[in-house]
N, C-alpha and C. Protein backbone atom coordinates (compact mmCIF):
# COMPACT_ATOMS: atom_id res chain seq x y z
N UNK A 1 373.92 155.15 -3.63
CA UNK A 1 374.18 156.58 -3.61
C UNK A 1 375.24 156.89 -2.55
N UNK A 2 376.12 157.79 -2.88
CA UNK A 2 377.18 158.17 -1.96
C UNK A 2 376.62 158.93 -0.76
N UNK A 3 377.26 158.75 0.38
CA UNK A 3 376.87 159.49 1.58
C UNK A 3 377.19 160.97 1.36
N UNK A 4 376.31 161.83 1.80
CA UNK A 4 376.50 163.27 1.61
C UNK A 4 376.70 163.96 2.95
N UNK A 5 377.58 164.93 2.96
CA UNK A 5 377.88 165.74 4.14
C UNK A 5 377.06 167.02 4.06
N UNK A 6 376.42 167.38 5.13
CA UNK A 6 375.63 168.61 5.20
C UNK A 6 376.46 169.67 5.91
N UNK A 7 376.52 170.88 5.32
CA UNK A 7 377.24 171.98 5.96
C UNK A 7 376.66 173.31 5.49
N UNK A 8 376.87 174.33 6.29
CA UNK A 8 376.38 175.68 5.94
C UNK A 8 377.40 176.36 5.03
N UNK A 9 376.92 177.12 4.08
CA UNK A 9 377.79 177.85 3.17
C UNK A 9 377.26 179.27 3.03
N UNK A 10 378.10 180.24 3.31
CA UNK A 10 377.72 181.64 3.14
C UNK A 10 378.21 182.11 1.77
N UNK A 11 377.29 182.68 1.00
CA UNK A 11 377.62 183.14 -0.35
C UNK A 11 377.02 184.53 -0.55
N UNK A 12 377.75 185.37 -1.22
CA UNK A 12 377.29 186.71 -1.58
C UNK A 12 375.97 186.61 -2.35
N UNK A 13 375.04 187.53 -2.09
CA UNK A 13 373.72 187.51 -2.74
C UNK A 13 373.80 187.48 -4.27
N UNK A 14 374.68 188.29 -4.85
CA UNK A 14 374.80 188.36 -6.31
C UNK A 14 375.32 187.04 -6.88
N UNK A 15 376.28 186.43 -6.20
CA UNK A 15 376.82 185.14 -6.65
C UNK A 15 375.74 184.06 -6.55
N UNK A 16 375.00 184.06 -5.45
CA UNK A 16 373.93 183.07 -5.28
C UNK A 16 372.88 183.22 -6.38
N UNK A 17 372.51 184.45 -6.69
CA UNK A 17 371.52 184.69 -7.75
C UNK A 17 372.02 184.18 -9.09
N UNK A 18 373.30 184.39 -9.37
CA UNK A 18 373.88 183.91 -10.63
C UNK A 18 373.88 182.38 -10.68
N UNK A 19 374.18 181.74 -9.56
CA UNK A 19 374.16 180.27 -9.50
C UNK A 19 372.74 179.76 -9.69
N UNK A 20 371.76 180.43 -9.07
CA UNK A 20 370.35 180.04 -9.24
C UNK A 20 369.93 180.11 -10.71
N UNK A 21 370.30 181.20 -11.39
CA UNK A 21 369.95 181.35 -12.81
C UNK A 21 370.61 180.25 -13.65
N UNK A 22 371.90 179.99 -13.39
CA UNK A 22 372.64 178.97 -14.12
C UNK A 22 372.00 177.60 -13.89
N UNK A 23 371.66 177.30 -12.65
CA UNK A 23 371.03 176.02 -12.31
C UNK A 23 369.70 175.87 -13.07
N UNK A 24 368.90 176.92 -13.09
CA UNK A 24 367.61 176.87 -13.79
C UNK A 24 367.81 176.63 -15.29
N UNK A 25 368.82 177.27 -15.87
CA UNK A 25 369.12 177.08 -17.29
C UNK A 25 369.48 175.63 -17.61
N UNK A 26 370.06 174.92 -16.64
CA UNK A 26 370.50 173.54 -16.86
C UNK A 26 369.59 172.53 -16.17
N UNK A 27 368.42 173.00 -15.73
CA UNK A 27 367.42 172.13 -15.10
C UNK A 27 367.98 171.38 -13.89
N UNK A 28 368.77 172.08 -13.08
CA UNK A 28 369.31 171.53 -11.84
C UNK A 28 368.79 172.37 -10.69
N UNK A 29 368.83 171.77 -9.49
CA UNK A 29 368.57 172.57 -8.29
C UNK A 29 369.81 173.42 -8.03
N UNK A 30 369.64 174.44 -7.22
CA UNK A 30 370.79 175.26 -6.85
C UNK A 30 371.83 174.42 -6.13
N UNK A 31 371.37 173.55 -5.24
CA UNK A 31 372.29 172.67 -4.53
C UNK A 31 373.01 171.74 -5.51
N UNK A 32 372.28 171.18 -6.46
CA UNK A 32 372.89 170.31 -7.47
C UNK A 32 373.91 171.06 -8.31
N UNK A 33 373.62 172.31 -8.63
CA UNK A 33 374.57 173.12 -9.41
C UNK A 33 375.84 173.36 -8.62
N UNK A 34 375.69 173.67 -7.33
CA UNK A 34 376.87 173.89 -6.49
C UNK A 34 377.70 172.61 -6.39
N UNK A 35 377.04 171.46 -6.22
CA UNK A 35 377.78 170.18 -6.17
C UNK A 35 378.52 169.95 -7.47
N UNK A 36 377.87 170.21 -8.60
CA UNK A 36 378.49 170.02 -9.91
C UNK A 36 379.69 170.95 -10.09
N UNK A 37 379.51 172.22 -9.70
CA UNK A 37 380.61 173.19 -9.82
C UNK A 37 381.82 172.79 -8.99
N UNK A 38 381.58 172.36 -7.77
CA UNK A 38 382.68 171.95 -6.89
C UNK A 38 383.38 170.72 -7.44
N UNK A 39 382.58 169.72 -7.87
CA UNK A 39 383.17 168.50 -8.41
C UNK A 39 383.97 168.79 -9.68
N UNK A 40 383.45 169.66 -10.55
CA UNK A 40 384.16 170.02 -11.78
C UNK A 40 385.47 170.74 -11.46
N UNK A 41 385.43 171.66 -10.51
CA UNK A 41 386.64 172.38 -10.12
C UNK A 41 387.69 171.40 -9.56
N UNK A 42 387.25 170.45 -8.75
CA UNK A 42 388.17 169.44 -8.21
C UNK A 42 388.76 168.59 -9.33
N UNK A 43 387.92 168.18 -10.29
CA UNK A 43 388.40 167.38 -11.41
C UNK A 43 389.42 168.17 -12.24
N UNK A 44 389.06 169.42 -12.56
CA UNK A 44 389.95 170.26 -13.38
C UNK A 44 391.29 170.51 -12.69
N UNK A 45 391.29 170.55 -11.35
CA UNK A 45 392.52 170.78 -10.59
C UNK A 45 393.28 169.48 -10.31
N UNK A 46 392.71 168.35 -10.77
CA UNK A 46 393.36 167.06 -10.54
C UNK A 46 393.26 166.59 -9.10
N UNK A 47 392.25 167.05 -8.39
CA UNK A 47 392.09 166.70 -6.97
C UNK A 47 390.90 165.79 -6.70
N UNK A 48 390.14 165.43 -7.74
CA UNK A 48 389.02 164.53 -7.58
C UNK A 48 389.53 163.10 -7.68
N UNK A 49 389.15 162.23 -6.75
CA UNK A 49 389.60 160.83 -6.85
C UNK A 49 389.25 160.25 -8.22
N UNK A 50 390.13 159.43 -8.77
CA UNK A 50 389.97 158.88 -10.11
C UNK A 50 388.67 158.10 -10.28
N UNK A 51 388.17 157.50 -9.20
CA UNK A 51 386.95 156.69 -9.29
C UNK A 51 385.69 157.53 -9.42
N UNK A 52 385.79 158.83 -9.19
CA UNK A 52 384.63 159.72 -9.27
C UNK A 52 384.59 160.40 -10.62
N UNK A 53 383.41 160.73 -11.08
CA UNK A 53 383.25 161.52 -12.29
C UNK A 53 382.29 162.66 -11.97
N UNK A 54 382.33 163.67 -12.81
CA UNK A 54 381.43 164.80 -12.62
C UNK A 54 380.10 164.41 -13.22
N UNK A 55 379.05 164.34 -12.39
CA UNK A 55 377.74 163.94 -12.85
C UNK A 55 377.09 165.07 -13.63
N UNK A 56 376.29 164.70 -14.60
CA UNK A 56 375.58 165.70 -15.38
C UNK A 56 376.35 166.14 -16.60
N UNK A 57 377.52 165.57 -16.83
CA UNK A 57 378.29 165.90 -18.01
C UNK A 57 378.99 167.23 -17.90
N UNK A 58 379.80 167.51 -18.87
CA UNK A 58 380.53 168.79 -18.92
C UNK A 58 379.77 169.75 -19.79
N UNK A 59 378.82 170.46 -19.21
CA UNK A 59 378.01 171.43 -19.95
C UNK A 59 378.77 172.72 -20.09
């Protein structure tokens, strides 16, 4: 398993609630959903290292 960095993230209440609902719909934790969203955004922008893939598929 890859080493993970821990950091604080401030998010608007409404955005956090929307992420929580989305995560529940896809049977992920909120943290897992945020990781997936960030990784997908990096991949889509061409900034994710080629050796990495977005886990959980492209839902």
